[in-house]
Amino acid sequence: IPFIMIRSALNKVKPSRNFMGNRFDTMFHIDLLEQ
């Protein structure tokens, strides 16, 4: 997700969502390595 967000900015594409919110909140992003 951070890489896609940086590449988005470099390509002038605005992300539609923020999946980098609170690390412990799995409401919008579940990172299985974290889990």
PDB file of all heavy atoms in Angstrom:
ATOM      1  N   ILE A   1       0.819  -1.216   0.000  1.00  0.00           N
ATOM      2  CA  ILE A   1       0.000   0.000   0.000  1.00  0.00           C
ATOM      3  C   ILE A   1       0.855   1.269   0.000  1.00  0.00           C
ATOM      4  O   ILE A   1       0.612   2.163  -0.817  1.00  0.00           O
ATOM      5  CB  ILE A   1      -1.035  -0.027   1.149  1.00  0.00           C
ATOM      6  CG1 ILE A   1      -2.004  -1.203   0.961  1.00  0.00           C
ATOM      7  CG2 ILE A   1      -1.791   1.299   1.221  1.00  0.00           C
ATOM      8  CD1 ILE A   1      -2.764  -1.224  -0.357  1.00  0.00           C
ATOM      9  N   PRO A   2       1.885   1.387   0.855  1.00  0.00           N
ATOM     10  CA  PRO A   2       2.714   2.595   0.750  1.00  0.00           C
ATOM     11  C   PRO A   2       3.362   2.743  -0.630  1.00  0.00           C
ATOM     12  O   PRO A   2       3.428   3.851  -1.165  1.00  0.00           O
ATOM     13  CB  PRO A   2       3.775   2.407   1.842  1.00  0.00           C
ATOM     14  CG  PRO A   2       3.178   1.448   2.798  1.00  0.00           C
ATOM     15  CD  PRO A   2       2.283   0.560   1.998  1.00  0.00           C
ATOM     16  N   PHE A   3       3.809   1.634  -1.211  1.00  0.00           N
ATOM     17  CA  PHE A   3       4.440   1.694  -2.531  1.00  0.00           C
ATOM     18  C   PHE A   3       3.440   2.143  -3.596  1.00  0.00           C
ATOM     19  O   PHE A   3       3.741   3.009  -4.425  1.00  0.00           O
ATOM     20  CB  PHE A   3       5.049   0.340  -2.902  1.00  0.00           C
ATOM     21  CG  PHE A   3       5.916   0.392  -4.128  1.00  0.00           C
ATOM     22  CD1 PHE A   3       7.158   1.007  -4.090  1.00  0.00           C
ATOM     23  CD2 PHE A   3       5.479  -0.154  -5.315  1.00  0.00           C
ATOM     24  CE1 PHE A   3       7.960   1.068  -5.217  1.00  0.00           C
ATOM     25  CE2 PHE A   3       6.272  -0.094  -6.460  1.00  0.00           C
ATOM     26  CZ  PHE A   3       7.516   0.516  -6.411  1.00  0.00           C
ATOM     27  N   ILE A   4       2.229   1.592  -3.554  1.00  0.00           N
ATOM     28  CA  ILE A   4       1.191   2.001  -4.511  1.00  0.00           C
ATOM     29  C   ILE A   4       0.859   3.482  -4.318  1.00  0.00           C
ATOM     30  O   ILE A   4       0.671   4.214  -5.302  1.00  0.00           O
ATOM     31  CB  ILE A   4      -0.072   1.120  -4.394  1.00  0.00           C
ATOM     32  CG1 ILE A   4       0.222  -0.299  -4.882  1.00  0.00           C
ATOM     33  CG2 ILE A   4      -1.240   1.715  -5.188  1.00  0.00           C
ATOM     34  CD1 ILE A   4      -0.888  -1.306  -4.603  1.00  0.00           C
ATOM     35  N   MET A   5       0.806   3.934  -3.086  1.00  0.00           N
ATOM     36  CA  MET A   5       0.489   5.349  -2.839  1.00  0.00           C
ATOM     37  C   MET A   5       1.584   6.267  -3.387  1.00  0.00           C
ATOM     38  O   MET A   5       1.283   7.288  -4.018  1.00  0.00           O
ATOM     39  CB  MET A   5       0.233   5.584  -1.350  1.00  0.00           C
ATOM     40  CG  MET A   5      -1.055   4.908  -0.886  1.00  0.00           C
ATOM     41  SD  MET A   5      -1.409   5.141   0.852  1.00  0.00           S
ATOM     42  CE  MET A   5      -2.099   6.796   0.793  1.00  0.00           C
ATOM     43  N   ILE A   6       2.841   5.914  -3.172  1.00  0.00           N
ATOM     44  CA  ILE A   6       3.943   6.731  -3.701  1.00  0.00           C
ATOM     45  C   ILE A   6       3.938   6.713  -5.228  1.00  0.00           C
ATOM     46  O   ILE A   6       4.075   7.762  -5.881  1.00  0.00           O
ATOM     47  CB  ILE A   6       5.302   6.251  -3.151  1.00  0.00           C
ATOM     48  CG1 ILE A   6       5.390   6.499  -1.649  1.00  0.00           C
ATOM     49  CG2 ILE A   6       6.481   6.890  -3.898  1.00  0.00           C
ATOM     50  CD1 ILE A   6       5.331   7.962  -1.233  1.00  0.00           C
ATOM     51  N   ARG A   7       3.748   5.535  -5.815  1.00  0.00           N
ATOM     52  CA  ARG A   7       3.698   5.442  -7.284  1.00  0.00           C
ATOM     53  C   ARG A   7       2.485   6.205  -7.819  1.00  0.00           C
ATOM     54  O   ARG A   7       2.543   6.768  -8.915  1.00  0.00           O
ATOM     55  CB  ARG A   7       3.677   3.988  -7.753  1.00  0.00           C
ATOM     56  CG  ARG A   7       4.953   3.206  -7.503  1.00  0.00           C
ATOM     57  CD  ARG A   7       6.211   3.842  -8.054  1.00  0.00           C
ATOM     58  NE  ARG A   7       6.148   4.052  -9.493  1.00  0.00           N
ATOM     59  CZ  ARG A   7       7.091   4.651 -10.212  1.00  0.00           C
ATOM     60  NH1 ARG A   7       8.175   5.095  -9.626  1.00  0.00           N
ATOM     61  NH2 ARG A   7       6.956   4.799 -11.519  1.00  0.00           N
ATOM     62  N   SER A   8       1.408   6.228  -7.064  1.00  0.00           N
ATOM     63  CA  SER A   8       0.236   7.006  -7.461  1.00  0.00           C
ATOM     64  C   SER A   8       0.605   8.482  -7.570  1.00  0.00           C
ATOM     65  O   SER A   8       0.301   9.137  -8.576  1.00  0.00           O
ATOM     66  CB  SER A   8      -0.898   6.832  -6.448  1.00  0.00           C
ATOM     67  OG  SER A   8      -1.342   5.498  -6.420  1.00  0.00           O
ATOM     68  N   ALA A   9       1.250   8.992  -6.549  1.00  0.00           N
ATOM     69  CA  ALA A   9       1.637  10.405  -6.554  1.00  0.00           C
ATOM     70  C   ALA A   9       2.601  10.704  -7.699  1.00  0.00           C
ATOM     71  O   ALA A   9       2.465  11.722  -8.389  1.00  0.00           O
ATOM     72  CB  ALA A   9       2.268  10.780  -5.213  1.00  0.00           C
ATOM     73  N   LEU A  10       3.569   9.824  -7.921  1.00  0.00           N
ATOM     74  CA  LEU A  10       4.525  10.028  -9.009  1.00  0.00           C
ATOM     75  C   LEU A  10       3.850  10.022 -10.378  1.00  0.00           C
ATOM     76  O   LEU A  10       4.313  10.682 -11.306  1.00  0.00           O
ATOM     77  CB  LEU A  10       5.619   8.961  -8.966  1.00  0.00           C
ATOM     78  CG  LEU A  10       6.606   9.084  -7.807  1.00  0.00           C
ATOM     79  CD1 LEU A  10       7.454   7.829  -7.680  1.00  0.00           C
ATOM     80  CD2 LEU A  10       7.472  10.317  -7.972  1.00  0.00           C
ATOM     81  N   ASN A  11       2.746   9.268 -10.494  1.00  0.00           N
ATOM     82  CA  ASN A  11       2.007   9.181 -11.755  1.00  0.00           C
ATOM     83  C   ASN A  11       0.805  10.123 -11.789  1.00  0.00           C
ATOM     84  O   ASN A  11      -0.034  10.030 -12.675  1.00  0.00           O
ATOM     85  CB  ASN A  11       1.559   7.737 -12.003  1.00  0.00           C
ATOM     86  CG  ASN A  11       2.678   6.879 -12.512  1.00  0.00           C
ATOM     87  OD1 ASN A  11       3.002   6.908 -13.688  1.00  0.00           O
ATOM     88  ND2 ASN A  11       3.296   6.095 -11.624  1.00  0.00           N
ATOM     89  N   LYS A  12       0.707  11.016 -10.792  1.00  0.00           N
ATOM     90  CA  LYS A  12      -0.365  12.017 -10.733  1.00  0.00           C
ATOM     91  C   LYS A  12      -1.760  11.380 -10.677  1.00  0.00           C
ATOM     92  O   LYS A  12      -2.693  11.845 -11.303  1.00  0.00           O
ATOM     93  CB  LYS A  12      -0.282  12.990 -11.918  1.00  0.00           C
ATOM     94  CG  LYS A  12       1.079  13.602 -12.149  1.00  0.00           C
ATOM     95  CD  LYS A  12       1.386  14.646 -11.103  1.00  0.00           C
ATOM     96  CE  LYS A  12       2.642  15.428 -11.435  1.00  0.00           C
ATOM     97  NZ  LYS A  12       3.812  15.068 -10.682  1.00  0.00           N
ATOM     98  N   VAL A  13      -1.863  10.306  -9.895  1.00  0.00           N
ATOM     99  CA  VAL A  13      -3.147   9.634  -9.671  1.00  0.00           C
ATOM    100  C   VAL A  13      -3.438   9.728  -8.177  1.00  0.00           C
ATOM    101  O   VAL A  13      -2.627   9.306  -7.352  1.00  0.00           O
ATOM    102  CB  VAL A  13      -3.107   8.149 -10.102  1.00  0.00           C
ATOM    103  CG1 VAL A  13      -4.429   7.457  -9.785  1.00  0.00           C
ATOM    104  CG2 VAL A  13      -2.764   8.017 -11.579  1.00  0.00           C
ATOM    105  N   LYS A  14      -4.595  10.291  -7.835  1.00  0.00           N
ATOM    106  CA  LYS A  14      -4.941  10.453  -6.424  1.00  0.00           C
ATOM    107  C   LYS A  14      -5.583   9.172  -5.887  1.00  0.00           C
ATOM    108  O   LYS A  14      -6.544   8.669  -6.472  1.00  0.00           O
ATOM    109  CB  LYS A  14      -5.903  11.628  -6.235  1.00  0.00           C
ATOM    110  CG  LYS A  14      -6.179  11.923  -4.774  1.00  0.00           C
ATOM    111  CD  LYS A  14      -6.792  13.286  -4.603  1.00  0.00           C
ATOM    112  CE  LYS A  14      -7.098  13.589  -3.163  1.00  0.00           C
ATOM    113  NZ  LYS A  14      -5.956  14.017  -2.395  1.00  0.00           N
ATOM    114  N   PRO A  15      -5.063   8.638  -4.777  1.00  0.00           N
ATOM    115  CA  PRO A  15      -5.696   7.457  -4.167  1.00  0.00           C
ATOM    116  C   PRO A  15      -7.139   7.752  -3.771  1.00  0.00           C
ATOM    117  O   PRO A  15      -7.469   8.860  -3.345  1.00  0.00           O
ATOM    118  CB  PRO A  15      -4.833   7.184  -2.934  1.00  0.00           C
ATOM    119  CG  PRO A  15      -3.500   7.783  -3.277  1.00  0.00           C
ATOM    120  CD  PRO A  15      -3.839   9.015  -4.089  1.00  0.00           C
ATOM    121  N   SER A  16      -7.987   6.750  -3.916  1.00  0.00           N
ATOM    122  CA  SER A  16      -9.402   6.921  -3.578  1.00  0.00           C
ATOM    123  C   SER A  16      -9.690   6.597  -2.120  1.00  0.00           C
ATOM    124  O   SER A  16     -10.756   6.964  -1.610  1.00  0.00           O
ATOM    125  CB  SER A  16     -10.263   6.032  -4.477  1.00  0.00           C
ATOM    126  OG  SER A  16      -9.929   4.665  -4.277  1.00  0.00           O
ATOM    127  N   ARG A  17      -8.773   5.899  -1.459  1.00  0.00           N
ATOM    128  CA  ARG A  17      -8.979   5.495  -0.061  1.00  0.00           C
ATOM    129  C   ARG A  17      -7.656   5.575   0.687  1.00  0.00           C
ATOM    130  O   ARG A  17      -6.593   5.484   0.084  1.00  0.00           O
ATOM    131  CB  ARG A  17      -9.442   4.023   0.009  1.00  0.00           C
ATOM    132  CG  ARG A  17     -10.705   3.658  -0.714  1.00  0.00           C
ATOM    133  CD  ARG A  17     -11.968   3.826   0.085  1.00  0.00           C
ATOM    134  NE  ARG A  17     -12.067   3.079   1.305  1.00  0.00           N
ATOM    135  CZ  ARG A  17     -12.519   1.835   1.409  1.00  0.00           C
ATOM    136  NH1 ARG A  17     -12.881   1.161   0.338  1.00  0.00           N
ATOM    137  NH2 ARG A  17     -12.612   1.252   2.579  1.00  0.00           N
ATOM    138  N   ASN A  18      -7.752   5.670   2.001  1.00  0.00           N
ATOM    139  CA  ASN A  18      -6.564   5.603   2.847  1.00  0.00           C
ATOM    140  C   ASN A  18      -6.599   4.268   3.589  1.00  0.00           C
ATOM    141  O   ASN A  18      -7.357   4.116   4.537  1.00  0.00           O
ATOM    142  CB  ASN A  18      -6.509   6.762   3.833  1.00  0.00           C
ATOM    143  CG  ASN A  18      -5.302   6.678   4.740  1.00  0.00           C
ATOM    144  OD1 ASN A  18      -4.395   5.871   4.518  1.00  0.00           O
ATOM    145  ND2 ASN A  18      -5.282   7.499   5.770  1.00  0.00           N
ATOM    146  N   PHE A  19      -5.780   3.334   3.136  1.00  0.00           N
ATOM    147  CA  PHE A  19      -5.708   2.031   3.793  1.00  0.00           C
ATOM    148  C   PHE A  19      -4.573   1.981   4.817  1.00  0.00           C
ATOM    149  O   PHE A  19      -4.235   0.913   5.308  1.00  0.00           O
ATOM    150  CB  PHE A  19      -5.516   0.921   2.755  1.00  0.00           C
ATOM    151  CG  PHE A  19      -6.715   0.737   1.869  1.00  0.00           C
ATOM    152  CD1 PHE A  19      -6.637   0.997   0.513  1.00  0.00           C
ATOM    153  CD2 PHE A  19      -7.924   0.303   2.386  1.00  0.00           C
ATOM    154  CE1 PHE A  19      -7.734   0.817  -0.311  1.00  0.00           C
ATOM    155  CE2 PHE A  19      -9.026   0.126   1.576  1.00  0.00           C
ATOM    156  CZ  PHE A  19      -8.934   0.382   0.225  1.00  0.00           C
ATOM    157  N   MET A  20      -3.985   3.144   5.122  1.00  0.00           N
ATOM    158  CA  MET A  20      -2.876   3.199   6.064  1.00  0.00           C
ATOM    159  C   MET A  20      -3.293   3.823   7.387  1.00  0.00           C
ATOM    160  O   MET A  20      -2.459   4.337   8.128  1.00  0.00           O
ATOM    161  CB  MET A  20      -1.713   3.991   5.451  1.00  0.00           C
ATOM    162  CG  MET A  20      -1.071   3.316   4.268  1.00  0.00           C
ATOM    163  SD  MET A  20      -0.421   1.673   4.648  1.00  0.00           S
ATOM    164  CE  MET A  20       0.862   2.095   5.811  1.00  0.00           C
ATOM    165  N   GLY A  21      -4.561   3.753   7.725  1.00  0.00           N
ATOM    166  CA  GLY A  21      -5.050   4.327   8.979  1.00  0.00           C
ATOM    167  C   GLY A  21      -4.476   3.609  10.186  1.00  0.00           C
ATOM    168  O   GLY A  21      -3.391   3.030  10.133  1.00  0.00           O
ATOM    169  N   ASN A  22      -5.204   3.598  11.272  1.00  0.00           N
ATOM    170  CA  ASN A  22      -4.780   2.974  12.516  1.00  0.00           C
ATOM    171  C   ASN A  22      -4.319   1.541  12.262  1.00  0.00           C
ATOM    172  O   ASN A  22      -5.069   0.708  11.757  1.00  0.00           O
ATOM    173  CB  ASN A  22      -5.937   3.003  13.511  1.00  0.00           C
ATOM    174  CG  ASN A  22      -5.587   2.414  14.847  1.00  0.00           C
ATOM    175  OD1 ASN A  22      -4.717   1.558  14.985  1.00  0.00           O
ATOM    176  ND2 ASN A  22      -6.278   2.884  15.873  1.00  0.00           N
ATOM    177  N   ARG A  23      -3.104   1.262  12.654  1.00  0.00           N
ATOM    178  CA  ARG A  23      -2.486  -0.054  12.421  1.00  0.00           C
ATOM    179  C   ARG A  23      -3.307  -1.205  13.010  1.00  0.00           C
ATOM    180  O   ARG A  23      -3.310  -2.311  12.476  1.00  0.00           O
ATOM    181  CB  ARG A  23      -1.090  -0.032  13.051  1.00  0.00           C
ATOM    182  CG  ARG A  23      -0.356  -1.330  12.954  1.00  0.00           C
ATOM    183  CD  ARG A  23       0.996  -1.209  13.630  1.00  0.00           C
ATOM    184  NE  ARG A  23       1.745  -2.436  13.464  1.00  0.00           N
ATOM    185  CZ  ARG A  23       2.816  -2.730  14.148  1.00  0.00           C
ATOM    186  NH1 ARG A  23       3.285  -1.877  15.031  1.00  0.00           N
ATOM    187  NH2 ARG A  23       3.437  -3.863  13.951  1.00  0.00           N
ATOM    188  N   PHE A  24      -3.980  -0.977  14.109  1.00  0.00           N
ATOM    189  CA  PHE A  24      -4.693  -2.042  14.814  1.00  0.00           C
ATOM    190  C   PHE A  24      -6.161  -2.154  14.415  1.00  0.00           C
ATOM    191  O   PHE A  24      -6.874  -2.991  14.941  1.00  0.00           O
ATOM    192  CB  PHE A  24      -4.562  -1.834  16.321  1.00  0.00           C
ATOM    193  CG  PHE A  24      -3.120  -1.760  16.759  1.00  0.00           C
ATOM    194  CD1 PHE A  24      -2.528  -0.551  17.068  1.00  0.00           C
ATOM    195  CD2 PHE A  24      -2.343  -2.912  16.818  1.00  0.00           C
ATOM    196  CE1 PHE A  24      -1.199  -0.476  17.449  1.00  0.00           C
ATOM    197  CE2 PHE A  24      -1.011  -2.856  17.198  1.00  0.00           C
ATOM    198  CZ  PHE A  24      -0.435  -1.635  17.508  1.00  0.00           C
ATOM    199  N   ASP A  25      -6.605  -1.319  13.512  1.00  0.00           N
ATOM    200  CA  ASP A  25      -7.998  -1.333  13.056  1.00  0.00           C
ATOM    201  C   ASP A  25      -8.088  -2.137  11.755  1.00  0.00           C
ATOM    202  O   ASP A  25      -7.503  -1.761  10.747  1.00  0.00           O
ATOM    203  CB  ASP A  25      -8.469   0.108  12.827  1.00  0.00           C
ATOM    204  CG  ASP A  25      -9.927   0.197  12.393  1.00  0.00           C
ATOM    205  OD1 ASP A  25     -10.592  -0.850  12.252  1.00  0.00           O
ATOM    206  OD2 ASP A  25     -10.394   1.328  12.192  1.00  0.00           O
ATOM    207  N   THR A  26      -8.815  -3.244  11.799  1.00  0.00           N
ATOM    208  CA  THR A  26      -8.950  -4.111  10.614  1.00  0.00           C
ATOM    209  C   THR A  26     -10.246  -3.849   9.849  1.00  0.00           C
ATOM    210  O   THR A  26     -10.637  -4.659   9.018  1.00  0.00           O
ATOM    211  CB  THR A  26      -8.863  -5.598  11.020  1.00  0.00           C
ATOM    212  OG1 THR A  26      -9.892  -5.873  11.970  1.00  0.00           O
ATOM    213  CG2 THR A  26      -7.500  -5.936  11.594  1.00  0.00           C
ATOM    214  N   MET A  27     -10.898  -2.737  10.126  1.00  0.00           N
ATOM    215  CA  MET A  27     -12.163  -2.426   9.458  1.00  0.00           C
ATOM    216  C   MET A  27     -11.978  -2.286   7.941  1.00  0.00           C
ATOM    217  O   MET A  27     -12.797  -2.773   7.172  1.00  0.00           O
ATOM    218  CB  MET A  27     -12.754  -1.134  10.035  1.00  0.00           C
ATOM    219  CG  MET A  27     -14.057  -0.717   9.379  1.00  0.00           C
ATOM    220  SD  MET A  27     -15.445  -1.786   9.786  1.00  0.00           S
ATOM    221  CE  MET A  27     -15.726  -1.292  11.459  1.00  0.00           C
ATOM    222  N   PHE A  28     -10.899  -1.628   7.493  1.00  0.00           N
ATOM    223  CA  PHE A  28     -10.715  -1.358   6.067  1.00  0.00           C
ATOM    224  C   PHE A  28      -9.509  -2.053   5.447  1.00  0.00           C
ATOM    225  O   PHE A  28      -9.411  -2.159   4.244  1.00  0.00           O
ATOM    226  CB  PHE A  28     -10.614   0.159   5.824  1.00  0.00           C
ATOM    227  CG  PHE A  28     -11.818   0.904   6.307  1.00  0.00           C
ATOM    228  CD1 PHE A  28     -11.728   1.773   7.363  1.00  0.00           C
ATOM    229  CD2 PHE A  28     -13.061   0.701   5.710  1.00  0.00           C
ATOM    230  CE1 PHE A  28     -12.846   2.452   7.831  1.00  0.00           C
ATOM    231  CE2 PHE A  28     -14.178   1.373   6.171  1.00  0.00           C
ATOM    232  CZ  PHE A  28     -14.078   2.247   7.230  1.00  0.00           C
ATOM    233  N   HIS A  29      -8.568  -2.484   6.278  1.00  0.00           N
ATOM    234  CA  HIS A  29      -7.362  -3.136   5.763  1.00  0.00           C
ATOM    235  C   HIS A  29      -6.921  -4.210   6.746  1.00  0.00           C
ATOM    236  O   HIS A  29      -6.598  -3.915   7.896  1.00  0.00           O
ATOM    237  CB  HIS A  29      -6.251  -2.098   5.572  1.00  0.00           C
ATOM    238  CG  HIS A  29      -4.973  -2.662   5.033  1.00  0.00           C
ATOM    239  ND1 HIS A  29      -3.845  -1.901   4.931  1.00  0.00           N
ATOM    240  CD2 HIS A  29      -4.635  -3.887   4.564  1.00  0.00           C
ATOM    241  CE1 HIS A  29      -2.863  -2.639   4.424  1.00  0.00           C
ATOM    242  NE2 HIS A  29      -3.325  -3.848   4.204  1.00  0.00           N
ATOM    243  N   ILE A  30      -6.904  -5.439   6.268  1.00  0.00           N
ATOM    244  CA  ILE A  30      -6.403  -6.553   7.066  1.00  0.00           C
ATOM    245  C   ILE A  30      -5.081  -6.981   6.439  1.00  0.00           C
ATOM    246  O   ILE A  30      -5.054  -7.471   5.302  1.00  0.00           O
ATOM    247  CB  ILE A  30      -7.390  -7.738   7.088  1.00  0.00           C
ATOM    248  CG1 ILE A  30      -8.707  -7.308   7.716  1.00  0.00           C
ATOM    249  CG2 ILE A  30      -6.777  -8.933   7.814  1.00  0.00           C
ATOM    250  CD1 ILE A  30      -9.824  -8.314   7.554  1.00  0.00           C
ATOM    251  N   ASP A  31      -3.996  -6.757   7.161  1.00  0.00           N
ATOM    252  CA  ASP A  31      -2.684  -7.210   6.723  1.00  0.00           C
ATOM    253  C   ASP A  31      -2.415  -8.519   7.460  1.00  0.00           C
ATOM    254  O   ASP A  31      -2.200  -8.532   8.668  1.00  0.00           O
ATOM    255  CB  ASP A  31      -1.617  -6.161   7.043  1.00  0.00           C
ATOM    256  CG  ASP A  31      -0.230  -6.557   6.566  1.00  0.00           C
ATOM    257  OD1 ASP A  31       0.042  -7.769   6.387  1.00  0.00           O
ATOM    258  OD2 ASP A  31       0.599  -5.653   6.377  1.00  0.00           O
ATOM    259  N   LEU A  32      -2.429  -9.625   6.724  1.00  0.00           N
ATOM    260  CA  LEU A  32      -2.293 -10.932   7.358  1.00  0.00           C
ATOM    261  C   LEU A  32      -0.935 -11.139   8.020  1.00  0.00           C
ATOM    262  O   LEU A  32      -0.846 -11.862   9.016  1.00  0.00           O
ATOM    263  CB  LEU A  32      -2.581 -12.043   6.356  1.00  0.00           C
ATOM    264  CG  LEU A  32      -4.044 -12.134   5.919  1.00  0.00           C
ATOM    265  CD1 LEU A  32      -4.215 -13.174   4.831  1.00  0.00           C
ATOM    266  CD2 LEU A  32      -4.960 -12.428   7.096  1.00  0.00           C
ATOM    267  N   LEU A  33       0.107 -10.505   7.519  1.00  0.00           N
ATOM    268  CA  LEU A  33       1.396 -10.629   8.195  1.00  0.00           C
ATOM    269  C   LEU A  33       1.314  -9.994   9.583  1.00  0.00           C
ATOM    270  O   LEU A  33       1.821 -10.555  10.557  1.00  0.00           O
ATOM    271  CB  LEU A  33       2.517  -9.993   7.369  1.00  0.00           C
ATOM    272  CG  LEU A  33       3.919 -10.125   7.979  1.00  0.00           C
ATOM    273  CD1 LEU A  33       4.285 -11.585   8.245  1.00  0.00           C
ATOM    274  CD2 LEU A  33       4.949  -9.470   7.075  1.00  0.00           C
ATOM    275  N   GLU A  34       0.644  -8.874   9.681  1.00  0.00           N
ATOM    276  CA  GLU A  34       0.429  -8.243  10.989  1.00  0.00           C
ATOM    277  C   GLU A  34      -0.389  -9.173  11.894  1.00  0.00           C
ATOM    278  O   GLU A  34      -0.097  -9.307  13.080  1.00  0.00           O
ATOM    279  CB  GLU A  34      -0.305  -6.912  10.820  1.00  0.00           C
ATOM    280  CG  GLU A  34       0.507  -5.845  10.115  1.00  0.00           C
ATOM    281  CD  GLU A  34       1.207  -4.925  11.079  1.00  0.00           C
ATOM    282  OE1 GLU A  34       0.539  -4.260  11.880  1.00  0.00           O
ATOM    283  OE2 GLU A  34       2.441  -4.886  11.013  1.00  0.00           O
ATOM    284  N   GLN A  35      -1.401  -9.803  11.333  1.00  0.00           N
ATOM    285  CA  GLN A  35      -2.283 -10.650  12.130  1.00  0.00           C
ATOM    286  C   GLN A  35      -1.589 -11.922  12.599  1.00  0.00           C
ATOM    287  O   GLN A  35      -1.690 -12.301  13.765  1.00  0.00           O
ATOM    288  CB  GLN A  35      -3.553 -10.986  11.344  1.00  0.00           C
ATOM    289  CG  GLN A  35      -4.395  -9.782  10.995  1.00  0.00           C
ATOM    290  CD  GLN A  35      -4.740  -8.939  12.201  1.00  0.00           C
ATOM    291  OE1 GLN A  35      -5.203  -9.429  13.213  1.00  0.00           O
ATOM    292  NE2 GLN A  35      -4.507  -7.631  12.096  1.00  0.00           N
TER     293      GLN A  35
END
